[in-house]
Amino acid sequence: MKVAILAGGLGSRLAEETEARPKPMVEIGGVPILWHIMRYYACFGHADFTVALGYKGNVIRRHATDFAALSAADLRIDYSRRQVEYGAQHGCEGAPWAMDGWTLDLVETGLHTNTGGRIRRLRHLLHRERFFLTWGDGLSTVDLDALLAFHKSHGKLATLTAVRPPARFGHLELDGDRIAVFDEKPQTGEGWINGAFFVCEPGIFDYIEGDDTQFEKQPLQDLARDGQLMAFRHYGFWQCMDTIRDKLLLEKLWASGEAPWRIWDDPRRTPAERRTLVRAVALPQPALPQAANDQDSQACAS
């Protein structure tokens, strides 16, 4: 199943990092956040990626091609055909390359195109079948198997993953003057926001007018009005990277060795067993589908 990732926004709220590179190329643990997102999807068996480029798209193109070229494999370049062929791996002691089986389409969608317009410009690659959709700046432990099963169960055009917004400040619970609970950075227990992990049917393209359309506004509002937008409630870890504060938090989690989304490292576990690590910390989903409504708000921006 295809995974569409929006990676073309200006990332102006992270200007310290995005002056020289697009936000999906900002690194967590020495590799771009885009790589973390793709690796997470691949753990669930979804490794056919379509990435919408825009601002500094050549940085992503260069990284993708260099990453493949520097994979310790033989290389043959045919400049007349603009083709690169990769041969045998060397120096890997027989270990499979982590990106084996991945395919990647990098699609130029314009510098100033809005999120809906970028999705619309991917239509020629996505119009025939159901697909995942996400932004290139958010990490989560969303159970993608359960998300897809939920989407299939209700038969609507789109499913949005609803998440609890992370609290900006610490949380205290008081018993008189005594602090009963101290939680440094909890997920808030109230309200739901758009976590930007979607499953979509090709019919969503009919709700996008053109390049200036912001997907999080009119298209989602119209889908909700028509009863075609459903909410999959995710109670586990979710964090977007909008600011330096967010980046430092993700870096801290990665450096600690306890990054919740890092489910691919244990060679003793099969892919199915790794996915259970996600489910172990998730609360049960509601028995009945819940329609997304106008109170859902955008959390991440491409």
Protein backbone atom coordinates (compact mmCIF):
# COMPACT_ATOMS: atom_id res chain seq x y z
CA MET A 1 0.00 0.00 0.00
CA LYS A 2 1.38 3.40 -0.96
CA VAL A 3 2.47 5.96 1.63
CA ALA A 4 2.27 9.63 0.60
CA ILE A 5 4.40 12.05 2.62
CA LEU A 6 4.20 15.83 2.32
CA ALA A 7 7.71 17.27 2.49
CA GLY A 8 7.50 20.59 0.67
CA GLY A 9 6.53 23.21 3.25
CA LEU A 10 8.71 26.13 4.26
CA GLY A 11 9.05 25.10 7.92
CA SER A 12 9.17 28.75 8.98
CA ARG A 13 8.58 27.98 12.67
CA LEU A 14 11.83 25.99 12.67
CA ALA A 15 13.85 28.62 10.83
CA GLU A 16 17.02 27.88 12.79
CA GLU A 17 17.16 24.48 11.05
CA THR A 18 15.29 25.07 7.80
CA GLU A 19 17.28 27.93 6.33
CA ALA A 20 19.51 25.41 4.57
CA ARG A 21 17.25 22.35 4.31
CA PRO A 22 13.57 21.40 4.31
CA LYS A 23 12.05 20.42 7.64
CA PRO A 24 11.78 16.67 6.80
CA MET A 25 15.59 16.68 6.45
CA VAL A 26 16.17 18.03 9.97
CA GLU A 27 18.03 15.28 11.77
CA ILE A 28 17.07 13.25 14.82
CA GLY A 29 19.89 11.03 15.98
CA GLY A 30 21.99 11.90 12.95
CA VAL A 31 19.43 10.99 10.28
CA PRO A 32 16.51 13.00 8.83
CA ILE A 33 13.14 12.79 10.53
CA LEU A 34 11.80 11.73 7.14
CA TRP A 35 13.88 8.54 7.42
CA HIS A 36 12.40 7.80 10.86
CA ILE A 37 8.86 8.17 9.45
CA MET A 38 9.58 5.91 6.48
CA ARG A 39 11.30 3.30 8.64
CA TYR A 40 8.26 3.21 10.93
CA TYR A 41 5.85 2.62 8.05
CA ALA A 42 8.16 -0.05 6.64
CA CYS A 43 7.96 -1.96 9.93
CA PHE A 44 4.26 -2.45 9.17
CA GLY A 45 5.01 -3.67 5.65
CA HIS A 46 4.30 -0.37 3.85
CA ALA A 47 7.42 0.65 1.93
CA ASP A 48 6.12 2.12 -1.34
CA PHE A 49 6.69 5.83 -0.69
CA THR A 50 5.61 8.91 -2.64
CA VAL A 51 7.15 12.12 -1.32
CA ALA A 52 5.83 15.55 -2.33
CA LEU A 53 8.76 17.95 -2.74
CA GLY A 54 8.75 21.73 -2.66
CA TYR A 55 10.99 23.98 -0.58
CA LYS A 56 14.62 22.88 -1.11
CA GLY A 57 13.45 19.66 -2.70
CA ASN A 58 16.88 19.09 -4.19
CA VAL A 59 18.22 18.46 -0.69
CA ILE A 60 15.88 15.48 -0.40
CA ARG A 61 16.73 14.31 -3.93
CA ARG A 62 20.43 14.50 -3.20
CA HIS A 63 20.13 12.71 0.11
CA ALA A 64 18.01 9.91 -1.36
CA THR A 65 20.40 9.26 -4.23
CA ASP A 66 23.55 9.65 -2.14
CA PHE A 67 22.16 7.36 0.52
CA ALA A 68 21.64 4.63 -2.05
CA ALA A 69 25.00 5.26 -3.73
CA LEU A 70 26.88 5.07 -0.42
CA SER A 71 25.29 1.78 0.65
CA ALA A 72 28.52 -0.22 0.15
CA ALA A 73 27.26 -1.64 -3.13
CA ASP A 74 28.80 -1.78 -6.59
CA LEU A 75 27.59 1.09 -8.73
CA ARG A 76 27.14 1.60 -12.49
CA ILE A 77 26.14 5.01 -13.87
CA ASP A 78 24.81 5.45 -17.42
CA TYR A 79 24.93 9.22 -17.96
CA SER A 80 23.35 9.10 -21.40
CA ARG A 81 20.23 7.46 -19.97
CA ARG A 82 20.48 9.11 -16.54
CA GLN A 83 20.36 5.69 -14.96
CA VAL A 84 22.10 4.33 -11.89
CA GLU A 85 22.38 0.58 -11.35
CA TYR A 86 23.37 -0.97 -8.05
CA GLY A 87 25.16 -4.29 -7.79
CA ALA A 88 26.34 -6.54 -4.99
CA GLN A 89 26.68 -5.32 -1.41
CA HIS A 90 30.10 -5.45 0.27
CA GLY A 91 31.25 -5.37 3.86
CA CYS A 92 27.84 -6.13 5.36
CA GLU A 93 28.60 -9.70 6.48
CA GLY A 94 25.44 -10.97 4.82
CA ALA A 95 23.13 -8.71 6.81
CA PRO A 96 20.11 -7.42 4.84
CA TRP A 97 20.08 -3.73 4.07
CA ALA A 98 17.39 -1.98 6.11
CA MET A 99 15.88 -0.38 3.03
CA ASP A 100 15.58 -3.56 0.97
CA GLY A 101 12.15 -3.63 -0.65
CA TRP A 102 11.60 0.12 -0.42
CA THR A 103 10.56 2.17 -3.45
CA LEU A 104 10.60 5.95 -3.51
CA ASP A 105 8.92 8.42 -5.86
CA LEU A 106 10.10 12.01 -5.39
CA VAL A 107 7.57 14.37 -6.99
CA GLU A 108 8.11 18.09 -7.47
CA THR A 109 4.92 19.85 -6.31
CA GLY A 110 5.96 23.52 -6.37
CA LEU A 111 7.52 25.94 -3.93
CA HIS A 112 4.36 27.74 -2.75
CA THR A 113 1.78 24.99 -3.26
CA ASN A 114 -0.42 24.41 -0.22
CA THR A 115 -0.94 21.01 1.44
CA GLY A 116 -4.08 20.15 -0.53
CA GLY A 117 -2.41 21.19 -3.77
CA ARG A 118 0.56 18.97 -3.04
CA ILE A 119 -1.72 16.00 -2.45
CA ARG A 120 -3.58 16.78 -5.67
CA ARG A 121 -0.30 16.84 -7.60
CA LEU A 122 0.32 13.24 -6.49
CA ARG A 123 -2.97 12.10 -7.98
CA HIS A 124 -1.39 10.40 -10.98
CA LEU A 125 0.41 8.03 -8.60
CA LEU A 126 -2.33 7.57 -6.00
CA HIS A 127 -5.65 7.68 -7.86
CA ARG A 128 -6.19 3.94 -8.26
CA GLU A 129 -6.13 2.65 -4.71
CA ARG A 130 -6.37 3.42 -1.01
CA PHE A 131 -3.24 5.06 0.46
CA PHE A 132 -1.66 6.29 3.67
CA LEU A 133 -0.98 10.01 4.00
CA THR A 134 1.15 11.86 6.51
CA TRP A 135 3.31 14.96 6.94
CA GLY A 136 7.11 14.82 7.00
CA ASP A 137 7.54 16.23 10.49
CA GLY A 138 5.72 14.00 12.98
CA LEU A 139 6.58 10.82 14.87
CA SER A 140 4.18 8.52 16.63
CA THR A 141 3.41 5.01 17.81
CA VAL A 142 0.15 4.85 15.85
CA ASP A 143 -0.77 1.21 15.27
CA LEU A 144 -0.93 1.33 11.49
CA ASP A 145 -2.49 -2.14 11.25
CA ALA A 146 -5.33 -1.09 13.54
CA LEU A 147 -5.67 2.26 11.76
CA LEU A 148 -6.06 0.52 8.40
CA ALA A 149 -8.51 -2.05 9.80
CA PHE A 150 -10.60 0.75 11.31
CA HIS A 151 -10.65 2.59 8.00
CA LYS A 152 -11.78 -0.51 6.13
CA SER A 153 -14.51 -1.15 8.71
CA HIS A 154 -16.41 2.11 8.18
CA GLY A 155 -16.19 2.46 4.39
CA LYS A 156 -15.79 6.25 4.32
CA LEU A 157 -13.36 8.27 2.19
CA ALA A 158 -10.89 9.28 4.87
CA THR A 159 -9.70 8.42 8.36
CA LEU A 160 -7.84 10.95 10.46
CA THR A 161 -5.77 9.88 13.47
CA ALA A 162 -6.94 11.94 16.44
CA VAL A 163 -4.35 12.48 19.19
CA ARG A 164 -4.13 14.23 22.51
CA PRO A 165 -2.02 17.40 22.23
CA PRO A 166 1.28 17.28 24.13
CA ALA A 167 1.34 19.66 27.06
CA ARG A 168 3.79 22.54 26.79
CA PHE A 169 4.29 22.76 30.54
CA GLY A 170 4.54 20.24 33.34
CA HIS A 171 1.40 18.95 35.06
CA LEU A 172 0.74 18.95 38.79
CA GLU A 173 -2.07 17.36 40.77
CA LEU A 174 -2.43 18.80 44.26
CA ASP A 175 -3.85 17.32 47.42
CA GLY A 176 -4.16 20.46 49.50
CA ASP A 177 -0.64 21.86 49.53
CA ARG A 178 0.90 18.45 48.84
CA ILE A 179 1.92 17.56 45.27
CA ALA A 180 0.26 14.21 44.63
CA VAL A 181 1.34 13.84 41.00
CA PHE A 182 4.18 15.50 39.10
CA ASP A 183 4.34 14.84 35.35
CA GLU A 184 7.00 16.76 33.44
CA LYS A 185 5.50 16.69 29.91
CA PRO A 186 2.26 14.68 29.76
CA GLN A 187 -0.12 14.23 26.89
CA THR A 188 -3.12 16.34 27.88
CA GLY A 189 -6.22 14.43 28.86
CA GLU A 190 -8.63 16.81 27.17
CA GLY A 191 -9.44 17.55 23.55
CA TRP A 192 -8.36 15.93 20.30
CA ILE A 193 -6.27 17.31 17.47
CA ASN A 194 -5.32 16.18 13.98
CA GLY A 195 -2.30 13.91 14.31
CA ALA A 196 -1.80 13.88 10.51
CA PHE A 197 -1.69 10.11 10.06
CA PHE A 198 -4.42 9.46 7.49
CA VAL A 199 -5.83 6.64 5.41
CA CYS A 200 -7.51 7.94 2.25
CA GLU A 201 -9.54 6.69 -0.68
CA PRO A 202 -8.96 8.21 -4.13
CA GLY A 203 -12.30 10.01 -3.78
CA ILE A 204 -10.65 12.64 -1.58
CA PHE A 205 -9.13 14.22 -4.70
CA ASP A 206 -12.61 15.46 -5.63
CA TYR A 207 -12.53 17.65 -2.52
CA ILE A 208 -9.30 19.47 -3.48
CA GLU A 209 -9.75 22.42 -5.84
CA GLY A 210 -6.19 23.43 -6.70
CA ASP A 211 -2.72 24.45 -5.58
CA ASP A 212 -3.95 27.04 -3.10
CA THR A 213 -6.13 24.59 -1.19
CA GLN A 214 -5.09 23.86 2.38
CA PHE A 215 -6.06 20.25 3.04
CA GLU A 216 -6.63 20.87 6.75
CA LYS A 217 -9.34 23.45 6.03
CA GLN A 218 -11.97 23.21 3.28
CA PRO A 219 -11.36 19.61 2.15
CA LEU A 220 -11.46 18.14 5.66
CA GLN A 221 -14.37 20.39 6.63
CA ASP A 222 -16.31 19.29 3.54
CA LEU A 223 -15.49 15.63 4.13
CA ALA A 224 -16.75 15.96 7.72
CA ARG A 225 -19.91 17.74 6.52
CA ASP A 226 -20.61 14.90 4.07
CA GLY A 227 -20.04 12.24 6.74
CA GLN A 228 -16.93 10.98 4.95
CA LEU A 229 -14.29 11.71 7.61
CA MET A 230 -13.77 9.39 10.57
CA ALA A 231 -11.50 9.62 13.62
CA PHE A 232 -9.17 6.87 14.78
CA ARG A 233 -8.29 7.68 18.37
CA HIS A 234 -4.64 7.19 19.29
CA TYR A 235 -3.79 7.29 22.98
CA GLY A 236 -0.06 6.62 22.76
CA PHE A 237 3.02 8.64 21.89
CA TRP A 238 2.74 11.41 19.30
CA GLN A 239 5.01 14.38 18.70
CA CYS A 240 5.37 16.78 15.79
CA MET A 241 8.50 18.84 15.19
CA ASP A 242 7.40 22.44 14.77
CA THR A 243 9.99 24.20 16.91
CA ILE A 244 13.52 23.80 18.27
CA ARG A 245 11.93 22.75 21.55
CA ASP A 246 10.21 19.86 19.73
CA LYS A 247 13.42 18.83 17.97
CA LEU A 248 15.39 18.80 21.23
CA LEU A 249 12.69 16.66 22.86
CA LEU A 250 12.89 14.10 20.03
CA GLU A 251 16.69 14.16 20.15
CA LYS A 252 16.59 13.53 23.89
CA LEU A 253 14.28 10.55 23.45
CA TRP A 254 16.49 9.10 20.71
CA ALA A 255 19.68 9.57 22.72
CA SER A 256 18.10 7.88 25.74
CA GLY A 257 17.60 4.68 23.77
CA GLU A 258 13.91 4.81 24.63
CA ALA A 259 12.43 6.54 21.58
CA PRO A 260 8.91 5.02 21.45
CA TRP A 261 8.76 4.94 17.65
CA ARG A 262 12.06 3.02 17.34
CA ILE A 263 10.56 -0.45 16.91
CA TRP A 264 12.95 -1.76 14.25
CA ASP A 265 16.21 -2.34 16.11
CA ASP A 266 15.81 -5.64 17.93
CA PRO A 267 17.05 -8.41 15.59
CA ARG A 268 15.51 -11.05 17.85
CA ARG A 269 12.00 -9.88 17.01
CA THR A 270 10.10 -10.49 13.81
CA PRO A 271 8.29 -7.51 12.20
CA ALA A 272 5.02 -8.76 13.72
CA GLU A 273 6.60 -8.94 17.17
CA ARG A 274 8.00 -5.43 16.79
CA ARG A 275 4.53 -4.14 15.99
CA THR A 276 3.25 -5.59 19.25
CA LEU A 277 5.57 -3.16 21.03
CA VAL A 278 3.33 -0.40 19.70
CA ARG A 279 0.16 -2.12 20.88
CA ALA A 280 1.54 -2.84 24.33
CA VAL A 281 1.26 0.83 25.31
CA ALA A 282 -1.95 1.67 23.45
CA LEU A 283 -5.36 1.79 25.06
CA PRO A 284 -8.26 0.00 23.34
CA GLN A 285 -10.09 1.80 20.56
CA PRO A 286 -13.76 2.70 21.05
CA ALA A 287 -16.09 -0.02 19.81
CA LEU A 288 -17.95 2.33 17.45
CA PRO A 289 -16.44 4.59 14.78
CA GLN A 290 -16.47 8.25 15.74
CA ALA A 291 -16.96 10.90 13.07
CA ALA A 292 -14.35 13.63 13.01
CA ASN A 293 -15.80 17.08 13.60
CA ASP A 294 -14.91 20.72 13.31
CA GLN A 295 -13.31 20.73 16.76
CA ASP A 296 -10.38 18.70 15.44
CA SER A 297 -7.50 21.05 14.80
CA GLN A 298 -4.27 20.90 12.86
CA ALA A 299 -1.18 20.08 14.85
CA CYS A 300 1.68 19.66 12.41
CA ALA A 301 2.35 21.58 9.24
CA SER A 302 4.30 20.25 6.28
